[in-house]
Amino acid sequence: MARVTSGDIVHLHYTGKFEDGTVFDSTEGGNPLELVAGATDIIDGVSQGIIGLEVGESRTLTVSPDRGYGTRDEALAKRVPLDALPQGIEVGDRVSANTNGHEIVFQVTAIEGKEAVIDANHPLAGKTLVFQLSVHSIHGNDPNRGTHGHGGCGCGHDH
């Protein structure tokens, strides 16, 4: 049976959890995630961690921040005047800003009086993550797809 190699188009189901077992994302009950094994548009710990698996095979991966969404950079969390943000903004809302031609996504993490704390770190930065993966299908290496698949977590950040 074929095993996943770098560059293969792979469909897999996954459940992502924090170390305490709390689920933060899952494809269970939905469509599998499509990605290119070894590609750079999904976290390295998963992209590299599926290499060698067969269809139907499962694996649990523990992904450290350096192989996941990186370490937190406290310089990316700032206090701003609340009136600098859209009216009605609430904790947990995401706001994008265009800086020097680059879109940056911030999450509002606190509102304290007339100030808000916004954070441009990825919401999973600094966290060790546990992924339960199951390979649904392997479609072989497609050189026309380059190094990018269709992965990502839908958070608005580039990976």
C-alpha atoms as a PDB file:
ATOM      1  CA  MET A   1       0.000   0.000   0.000  1.00  0.00           C
ATOM      2  CA  ALA A   2       1.211   3.520  -0.806  1.00  0.00           C
ATOM      3  CA  ARG A   3       2.594   5.718   1.926  1.00  0.00           C
ATOM      4  CA  VAL A   4       2.419   9.508   2.072  1.00  0.00           C
ATOM      5  CA  THR A   5       5.528  11.142   0.617  1.00  0.00           C
ATOM      6  CA  SER A   6       6.471  14.813   0.447  1.00  0.00           C
ATOM      7  CA  GLY A   7       4.459  16.520  -2.284  1.00  0.00           C
ATOM      8  CA  ASP A   8       1.525  14.077  -2.174  1.00  0.00           C
ATOM      9  CA  ILE A   9      -1.977  15.515  -2.084  1.00  0.00           C
ATOM     10  CA  VAL A  10      -3.528  14.053   1.052  1.00  0.00           C
ATOM     11  CA  HIS A  11      -7.046  14.139   2.485  1.00  0.00           C
ATOM     12  CA  LEU A  12      -7.150  13.572   6.223  1.00  0.00           C
ATOM     13  CA  HIS A  13      -9.447  13.902   9.163  1.00  0.00           C
ATOM     14  CA  TYR A  14      -8.052  15.486  12.279  1.00  0.00           C
ATOM     15  CA  THR A  15      -8.944  16.621  15.738  1.00  0.00           C
ATOM     16  CA  GLY A  16      -6.766  19.338  17.245  1.00  0.00           C
ATOM     17  CA  LYS A  17      -6.607  19.581  21.031  1.00  0.00           C
ATOM     18  CA  PHE A  18      -4.762  21.536  23.643  1.00  0.00           C
ATOM     19  CA  GLU A  19      -2.629  19.552  26.083  1.00  0.00           C
ATOM     20  CA  ASP A  20      -5.517  19.506  28.573  1.00  0.00           C
ATOM     21  CA  GLY A  21      -7.690  17.670  26.012  1.00  0.00           C
ATOM     22  CA  THR A  22      -9.882  20.636  25.035  1.00  0.00           C
ATOM     23  CA  VAL A  23     -10.735  20.409  21.315  1.00  0.00           C
ATOM     24  CA  PHE A  24     -10.008  23.579  19.329  1.00  0.00           C
ATOM     25  CA  ASP A  25     -10.748  22.271  15.815  1.00  0.00           C
ATOM     26  CA  SER A  26     -11.885  19.112  14.058  1.00  0.00           C
ATOM     27  CA  THR A  27     -12.984  17.798  10.671  1.00  0.00           C
ATOM     28  CA  GLU A  28     -14.965  14.937  12.203  1.00  0.00           C
ATOM     29  CA  GLY A  29     -18.482  14.920  10.834  1.00  0.00           C
ATOM     30  CA  GLY A  30     -17.389  17.040   7.889  1.00  0.00           C
ATOM     31  CA  ASN A  31     -15.137  16.910   4.864  1.00  0.00           C
ATOM     32  CA  PRO A  32     -11.511  15.893   5.279  1.00  0.00           C
ATOM     33  CA  LEU A  33      -8.792  18.523   5.052  1.00  0.00           C
ATOM     34  CA  GLU A  34      -6.844  18.572   1.782  1.00  0.00           C
ATOM     35  CA  LEU A  35      -3.172  19.425   2.015  1.00  0.00           C
ATOM     36  CA  VAL A  36       0.122  18.808   0.298  1.00  0.00           C
ATOM     37  CA  ALA A  37       2.447  16.755   2.490  1.00  0.00           C
ATOM     38  CA  GLY A  38       5.601  18.702   3.303  1.00  0.00           C
ATOM     39  CA  ALA A  39       4.124  22.014   2.073  1.00  0.00           C
ATOM     40  CA  THR A  40       4.550  25.292   3.898  1.00  0.00           C
ATOM     41  CA  ASP A  41       0.948  26.493   4.105  1.00  0.00           C
ATOM     42  CA  ILE A  42       0.069  24.300   7.062  1.00  0.00           C
ATOM     43  CA  ILE A  43       2.019  23.929  10.274  1.00  0.00           C
ATOM     44  CA  ASP A  44       5.246  21.989   9.933  1.00  0.00           C
ATOM     45  CA  GLY A  45       4.411  19.532  12.701  1.00  0.00           C
ATOM     46  CA  VAL A  46       1.382  18.273  10.763  1.00  0.00           C
ATOM     47  CA  SER A  47       2.745  18.698   7.228  1.00  0.00           C
ATOM     48  CA  GLN A  48       5.850  16.658   8.045  1.00  0.00           C
ATOM     49  CA  GLY A  49       4.111  14.416  10.604  1.00  0.00           C
ATOM     50  CA  ILE A  50       1.868  12.711   8.033  1.00  0.00           C
ATOM     51  CA  ILE A  51       4.772  11.555   5.872  1.00  0.00           C
ATOM     52  CA  GLY A  52       4.998   7.769   5.930  1.00  0.00           C
ATOM     53  CA  LEU A  53       1.356   7.125   6.816  1.00  0.00           C
ATOM     54  CA  GLU A  54      -0.934   4.863   4.736  1.00  0.00           C
ATOM     55  CA  VAL A  55      -4.613   5.295   3.891  1.00  0.00           C
ATOM     56  CA  GLY A  56      -6.658   4.401   6.962  1.00  0.00           C
ATOM     57  CA  GLU A  57      -3.685   4.785   9.282  1.00  0.00           C
ATOM     58  CA  SER A  58      -3.953   7.099  12.280  1.00  0.00           C
ATOM     59  CA  ARG A  59      -1.334   8.931  14.279  1.00  0.00           C
ATOM     60  CA  THR A  60      -1.304  11.234  17.278  1.00  0.00           C
ATOM     61  CA  LEU A  61       1.188  14.084  17.000  1.00  0.00           C
ATOM     62  CA  THR A  62       2.275  16.432  19.753  1.00  0.00           C
ATOM     63  CA  VAL A  63       3.368  19.668  18.098  1.00  0.00           C
ATOM     64  CA  SER A  64       5.527  22.158  19.997  1.00  0.00           C
ATOM     65  CA  PRO A  65       5.125  25.884  19.312  1.00  0.00           C
ATOM     66  CA  ASP A  66       8.271  25.995  17.148  1.00  0.00           C
ATOM     67  CA  ARG A  67       6.703  23.394  14.804  1.00  0.00           C
ATOM     68  CA  GLY A  68       3.211  24.841  15.181  1.00  0.00           C
ATOM     69  CA  TYR A  69       2.147  28.481  15.242  1.00  0.00           C
ATOM     70  CA  GLY A  70       5.348  29.853  16.768  1.00  0.00           C
ATOM     71  CA  THR A  71       6.064  31.407  20.123  1.00  0.00           C
ATOM     72  CA  ARG A  72       4.117  34.402  21.361  1.00  0.00           C
ATOM     73  CA  ASP A  73       5.659  37.790  20.699  1.00  0.00           C
ATOM     74  CA  GLU A  74       4.452  40.122  23.435  1.00  0.00           C
ATOM     75  CA  ALA A  75       5.403  43.115  21.253  1.00  0.00           C
ATOM     76  CA  LEU A  76       2.440  42.156  19.028  1.00  0.00           C
ATOM     77  CA  ALA A  77      -0.043  42.813  21.865  1.00  0.00           C
ATOM     78  CA  LYS A  78      -0.798  46.508  22.291  1.00  0.00           C
ATOM     79  CA  ARG A  79      -3.151  48.846  24.109  1.00  0.00           C
ATOM     80  CA  VAL A  80      -5.045  51.187  21.804  1.00  0.00           C
ATOM     81  CA  PRO A  81      -7.770  53.765  22.368  1.00  0.00           C
ATOM     82  CA  LEU A  82     -11.152  52.070  22.128  1.00  0.00           C
ATOM     83  CA  ASP A  83     -12.367  54.804  19.788  1.00  0.00           C
ATOM     84  CA  ALA A  84      -9.661  53.765  17.273  1.00  0.00           C
ATOM     85  CA  LEU A  85     -11.568  50.522  16.701  1.00  0.00           C
ATOM     86  CA  PRO A  86     -14.932  49.961  15.017  1.00  0.00           C
ATOM     87  CA  GLN A  87     -17.911  50.909  17.182  1.00  0.00           C
ATOM     88  CA  GLY A  88     -19.461  47.966  19.014  1.00  0.00           C
ATOM     89  CA  ILE A  89     -16.229  45.927  19.057  1.00  0.00           C
ATOM     90  CA  GLU A  90     -16.183  43.154  21.667  1.00  0.00           C
ATOM     91  CA  VAL A  91     -13.574  40.879  23.237  1.00  0.00           C
ATOM     92  CA  GLY A  92     -12.856  38.026  20.828  1.00  0.00           C
ATOM     93  CA  ASP A  93     -13.607  40.060  17.691  1.00  0.00           C
ATOM     94  CA  ARG A  94     -11.020  40.114  14.937  1.00  0.00           C
ATOM     95  CA  VAL A  95     -10.047  43.315  13.193  1.00  0.00           C
ATOM     96  CA  SER A  96      -7.825  43.668  10.173  1.00  0.00           C
ATOM     97  CA  ALA A  97      -5.600  46.613   9.380  1.00  0.00           C
ATOM     98  CA  ASN A  98      -3.532  47.401   6.327  1.00  0.00           C
ATOM     99  CA  THR A  99       0.018  48.379   7.236  1.00  0.00           C
ATOM    100  CA  ASN A 100       2.552  49.118   4.512  1.00  0.00           C
ATOM    101  CA  GLY A 101       0.516  47.096   2.027  1.00  0.00           C
ATOM    102  CA  HIS A 102       0.223  44.070   4.314  1.00  0.00           C
ATOM    103  CA  GLU A 103      -2.989  43.002   5.993  1.00  0.00           C
ATOM    104  CA  ILE A 104      -2.555  42.268   9.683  1.00  0.00           C
ATOM    105  CA  VAL A 105      -5.274  40.535  11.702  1.00  0.00           C
ATOM    106  CA  PHE A 106      -5.637  41.500  15.351  1.00  0.00           C
ATOM    107  CA  GLN A 107      -7.840  39.906  17.971  1.00  0.00           C
ATOM    108  CA  VAL A 108      -9.352  42.048  20.690  1.00  0.00           C
ATOM    109  CA  THR A 109      -8.310  40.294  23.904  1.00  0.00           C
ATOM    110  CA  ALA A 110      -9.515  42.813  26.499  1.00  0.00           C
ATOM    111  CA  ILE A 111     -11.480  46.016  26.865  1.00  0.00           C
ATOM    112  CA  GLU A 112     -10.556  48.071  29.902  1.00  0.00           C
ATOM    113  CA  GLY A 113     -12.279  51.415  30.235  1.00  0.00           C
ATOM    114  CA  LYS A 114     -11.474  53.510  27.176  1.00  0.00           C
ATOM    115  CA  GLU A 115      -8.729  51.179  25.983  1.00  0.00           C
ATOM    116  CA  ALA A 116      -8.647  47.848  24.182  1.00  0.00           C
ATOM    117  CA  VAL A 117      -5.876  45.288  24.048  1.00  0.00           C
ATOM    118  CA  ILE A 118      -5.299  43.986  20.521  1.00  0.00           C
ATOM    119  CA  ASP A 119      -3.053  41.042  19.736  1.00  0.00           C
ATOM    120  CA  ALA A 120      -1.573  40.165  16.333  1.00  0.00           C
ATOM    121  CA  ASN A 121      -0.163  36.843  17.518  1.00  0.00           C
ATOM    122  CA  HIS A 122      -1.812  33.789  16.019  1.00  0.00           C
ATOM    123  CA  PRO A 123      -4.410  32.605  18.575  1.00  0.00           C
ATOM    124  CA  LEU A 124      -2.521  29.279  18.889  1.00  0.00           C
ATOM    125  CA  ALA A 125       0.962  30.826  19.189  1.00  0.00           C
ATOM    126  CA  GLY A 126       2.915  29.596  22.175  1.00  0.00           C
ATOM    127  CA  LYS A 127       0.753  26.518  22.654  1.00  0.00           C
ATOM    128  CA  THR A 128       1.713  22.867  22.442  1.00  0.00           C
ATOM    129  CA  LEU A 129      -0.959  21.166  20.335  1.00  0.00           C
ATOM    130  CA  VAL A 130      -2.036  17.545  20.041  1.00  0.00           C
ATOM    131  CA  PHE A 131      -3.425  16.344  16.714  1.00  0.00           C
ATOM    132  CA  GLN A 132      -5.175  13.040  16.116  1.00  0.00           C
ATOM    133  CA  LEU A 133      -4.842  12.395  12.383  1.00  0.00           C
ATOM    134  CA  SER A 134      -6.334   9.755  10.104  1.00  0.00           C
ATOM    135  CA  VAL A 135      -5.412   9.558   6.426  1.00  0.00           C
ATOM    136  CA  HIS A 136      -8.538   9.364   4.260  1.00  0.00           C
ATOM    137  CA  SER A 137      -6.860   9.280   0.823  1.00  0.00           C
ATOM    138  CA  ILE A 138      -3.550   9.863  -0.959  1.00  0.00           C
ATOM    139  CA  HIS A 139      -3.631  11.288  -4.458  1.00  0.00           C
ATOM    140  CA  GLY A 140       0.031  11.208  -5.333  1.00  0.00           C
ATOM    141  CA  ASN A 141       2.435  13.971  -6.127  1.00  0.00           C
ATOM    142  CA  ASP A 142       1.077  16.696  -8.443  1.00  0.00           C
ATOM    143  CA  PRO A 143       3.952  18.882  -9.702  1.00  0.00           C
ATOM    144  CA  ASN A 144       1.472  21.455 -11.073  1.00  0.00           C
ATOM    145  CA  ARG A 145       0.329  22.332  -7.546  1.00  0.00           C
ATOM    146  CA  GLY A 146       3.673  23.661  -6.365  1.00  0.00           C
ATOM    147  CA  THR A 147       4.419  23.700  -2.646  1.00  0.00           C
ATOM    148  CA  HIS A 148       1.073  25.009  -1.480  1.00  0.00           C
ATOM    149  CA  GLY A 149      -2.004  22.959  -0.688  1.00  0.00           C
ATOM    150  CA  HIS A 150      -5.293  24.097   0.723  1.00  0.00           C
ATOM    151  CA  GLY A 151      -4.527  23.823   4.412  1.00  0.00           C
ATOM    152  CA  GLY A 152      -4.687  26.349   7.186  1.00  0.00           C
ATOM    153  CA  CYS A 153      -7.005  26.842  10.099  1.00  0.00           C
ATOM    154  CA  GLY A 154      -9.232  29.589   8.711  1.00  0.00           C
ATOM    155  CA  CYS A 155      -8.059  32.103  11.315  1.00  0.00           C
ATOM    156  CA  GLY A 156      -7.101  34.866   8.884  1.00  0.00           C
ATOM    157  CA  HIS A 157      -3.376  34.532   9.547  1.00  0.00           C
ATOM    158  CA  ASP A 158      -0.898  33.306   6.957  1.00  0.00           C
ATOM    159  CA  HIS A 159       0.853  30.075   7.929  1.00  0.00           C
END
